[in-house]
Amino acid sequence: VWKNVQKIQGRLIRELEKKFSKKHVVFVAQRTILDKNFRRKGLKIRPRSRTLTSVHESIMEDIVGPTEILGKRTRISVDGT
């Protein structure tokens, strides 16, 4: 289903924004993050698409829509946050 939505995402967002009086519309797919104790859930291996980093990158790609991400920055402050 998500692949079909991605193909028409630009048109769909424009139509929904017109319908909902210029409110912002964002589509994000539902994804699952498996922690390091995934074996308790009965799985042998953890797929790369279920890791924290992979899920965060996928959500970022969903948010920016049909455009492309050219660069990423990671900021860590002095107190570790």
C-alpha atoms as a PDB file:
ATOM      1  CA  VAL A   1       0.000   0.000   0.000  1.00  0.00           C
ATOM      2  CA  TRP A   2       2.789   2.447   0.900  1.00  0.00           C
ATOM      3  CA  LYS A   3       4.461   2.127  -2.517  1.00  0.00           C
ATOM      4  CA  ASN A   4       1.173   3.103  -4.189  1.00  0.00           C
ATOM      5  CA  VAL A   5       0.795   6.120  -1.891  1.00  0.00           C
ATOM      6  CA  GLN A   6       4.348   7.260  -2.613  1.00  0.00           C
ATOM      7  CA  LYS A   7       3.658   7.306  -6.369  1.00  0.00           C
ATOM      8  CA  ILE A   8       0.765   9.768  -6.015  1.00  0.00           C
ATOM      9  CA  GLN A   9       1.923  11.466  -2.806  1.00  0.00           C
ATOM     10  CA  GLY A  10       2.482  14.932  -4.283  1.00  0.00           C
ATOM     11  CA  ARG A  11      -0.941  15.160  -5.920  1.00  0.00           C
ATOM     12  CA  LEU A  12      -2.665  13.625  -2.900  1.00  0.00           C
ATOM     13  CA  ILE A  13      -1.086  16.102  -0.475  1.00  0.00           C
ATOM     14  CA  ARG A  14      -2.039  19.094  -2.664  1.00  0.00           C
ATOM     15  CA  GLU A  15      -5.652  17.914  -2.896  1.00  0.00           C
ATOM     16  CA  LEU A  16      -5.942  17.285   0.857  1.00  0.00           C
ATOM     17  CA  GLU A  17      -4.370  20.659   1.702  1.00  0.00           C
ATOM     18  CA  LYS A  18      -6.946  22.355  -0.532  1.00  0.00           C
ATOM     19  CA  LYS A  19      -9.747  20.373   1.081  1.00  0.00           C
ATOM     20  CA  PHE A  20      -8.623  21.050   4.675  1.00  0.00           C
ATOM     21  CA  SER A  21      -8.249  24.811   4.174  1.00  0.00           C
ATOM     22  CA  LYS A  22      -4.486  25.145   3.760  1.00  0.00           C
ATOM     23  CA  LYS A  23      -3.459  22.918   6.676  1.00  0.00           C
ATOM     24  CA  HIS A  24      -0.238  20.937   6.311  1.00  0.00           C
ATOM     25  CA  VAL A  25      -0.592  17.251   5.421  1.00  0.00           C
ATOM     26  CA  VAL A  26       2.131  14.631   5.957  1.00  0.00           C
ATOM     27  CA  PHE A  27       1.999  10.895   5.241  1.00  0.00           C
ATOM     28  CA  VAL A  28       4.224   8.614   7.318  1.00  0.00           C
ATOM     29  CA  ALA A  29       4.187   4.820   7.047  1.00  0.00           C
ATOM     30  CA  GLN A  30       3.826   2.706  10.164  1.00  0.00           C
ATOM     31  CA  ARG A  31       7.142   1.009  10.927  1.00  0.00           C
ATOM     32  CA  THR A  32       8.410  -1.300  13.668  1.00  0.00           C
ATOM     33  CA  ILE A  33      11.654  -0.864  15.603  1.00  0.00           C
ATOM     34  CA  LEU A  34      13.108  -4.059  17.056  1.00  0.00           C
ATOM     35  CA  ASP A  35      15.473  -3.628  19.984  1.00  0.00           C
ATOM     36  CA  LYS A  36      18.578  -5.695  20.651  1.00  0.00           C
ATOM     37  CA  ASN A  37      16.532  -8.291  22.564  1.00  0.00           C
ATOM     38  CA  PHE A  38      14.547  -9.270  19.473  1.00  0.00           C
ATOM     39  CA  ARG A  39      15.168 -12.990  20.106  1.00  0.00           C
ATOM     40  CA  ARG A  40      12.608 -12.871  22.926  1.00  0.00           C
ATOM     41  CA  LYS A  41       9.994 -12.163  20.277  1.00  0.00           C
ATOM     42  CA  GLY A  42      10.860 -15.455  18.533  1.00  0.00           C
ATOM     43  CA  LEU A  43      12.867 -14.031  15.627  1.00  0.00           C
ATOM     44  CA  LYS A  44      16.184 -15.512  14.506  1.00  0.00           C
ATOM     45  CA  ILE A  45      17.660 -12.376  12.926  1.00  0.00           C
ATOM     46  CA  ARG A  46      16.751  -8.701  13.061  1.00  0.00           C
ATOM     47  CA  PRO A  47      16.123  -7.316   9.566  1.00  0.00           C
ATOM     48  CA  ARG A  48      18.061  -4.163   8.701  1.00  0.00           C
ATOM     49  CA  SER A  49      14.777  -2.385   7.973  1.00  0.00           C
ATOM     50  CA  ARG A  50      13.719  -2.796  11.628  1.00  0.00           C
ATOM     51  CA  THR A  51      16.751  -1.139  13.239  1.00  0.00           C
ATOM     52  CA  LEU A  52      16.375   2.224  14.983  1.00  0.00           C
ATOM     53  CA  THR A  53      18.593   4.045  12.497  1.00  0.00           C
ATOM     54  CA  SER A  54      16.881   2.566   9.458  1.00  0.00           C
ATOM     55  CA  VAL A  55      13.399   3.377  10.751  1.00  0.00           C
ATOM     56  CA  HIS A  56      14.394   6.970  11.570  1.00  0.00           C
ATOM     57  CA  GLU A  57      15.885   7.446   8.094  1.00  0.00           C
ATOM     58  CA  SER A  58      12.747   6.019   6.485  1.00  0.00           C
ATOM     59  CA  ILE A  59      10.487   8.325   8.506  1.00  0.00           C
ATOM     60  CA  MET A  60      12.621  11.305   7.463  1.00  0.00           C
ATOM     61  CA  GLU A  61      12.274  10.287   3.804  1.00  0.00           C
ATOM     62  CA  ASP A  62       8.495   9.978   4.275  1.00  0.00           C
ATOM     63  CA  ILE A  63       8.266  13.468   5.751  1.00  0.00           C
ATOM     64  CA  VAL A  64      10.217  15.256   3.032  1.00  0.00           C
ATOM     65  CA  GLY A  65       7.908  13.652   0.479  1.00  0.00           C
ATOM     66  CA  PRO A  66       8.814  13.361  -3.172  1.00  0.00           C
ATOM     67  CA  THR A  67      12.014  15.407  -2.738  1.00  0.00           C
ATOM     68  CA  GLU A  68      15.427  13.914  -2.074  1.00  0.00           C
ATOM     69  CA  ILE A  69      17.642  14.198   1.030  1.00  0.00           C
ATOM     70  CA  LEU A  70      21.109  15.430   0.034  1.00  0.00           C
ATOM     71  CA  GLY A  71      22.858  15.672   3.399  1.00  0.00           C
ATOM     72  CA  LYS A  72      22.394  14.830   7.057  1.00  0.00           C
ATOM     73  CA  ARG A  73      23.887  16.305  10.200  1.00  0.00           C
ATOM     74  CA  THR A  74      24.024  14.855  13.706  1.00  0.00           C
ATOM     75  CA  ARG A  75      24.284  17.391  16.506  1.00  0.00           C
ATOM     76  CA  ILE A  76      25.355  16.418  20.026  1.00  0.00           C
ATOM     77  CA  SER A  77      25.537  19.110  22.700  1.00  0.00           C
ATOM     78  CA  VAL A  78      27.980  19.264  25.585  1.00  0.00           C
ATOM     79  CA  ASP A  79      25.566  17.647  28.061  1.00  0.00           C
ATOM     80  CA  GLY A  80      25.185  14.587  25.794  1.00  0.00           C
ATOM     81  CA  THR A  81      21.698  15.264  24.422  1.00  0.00           C
END
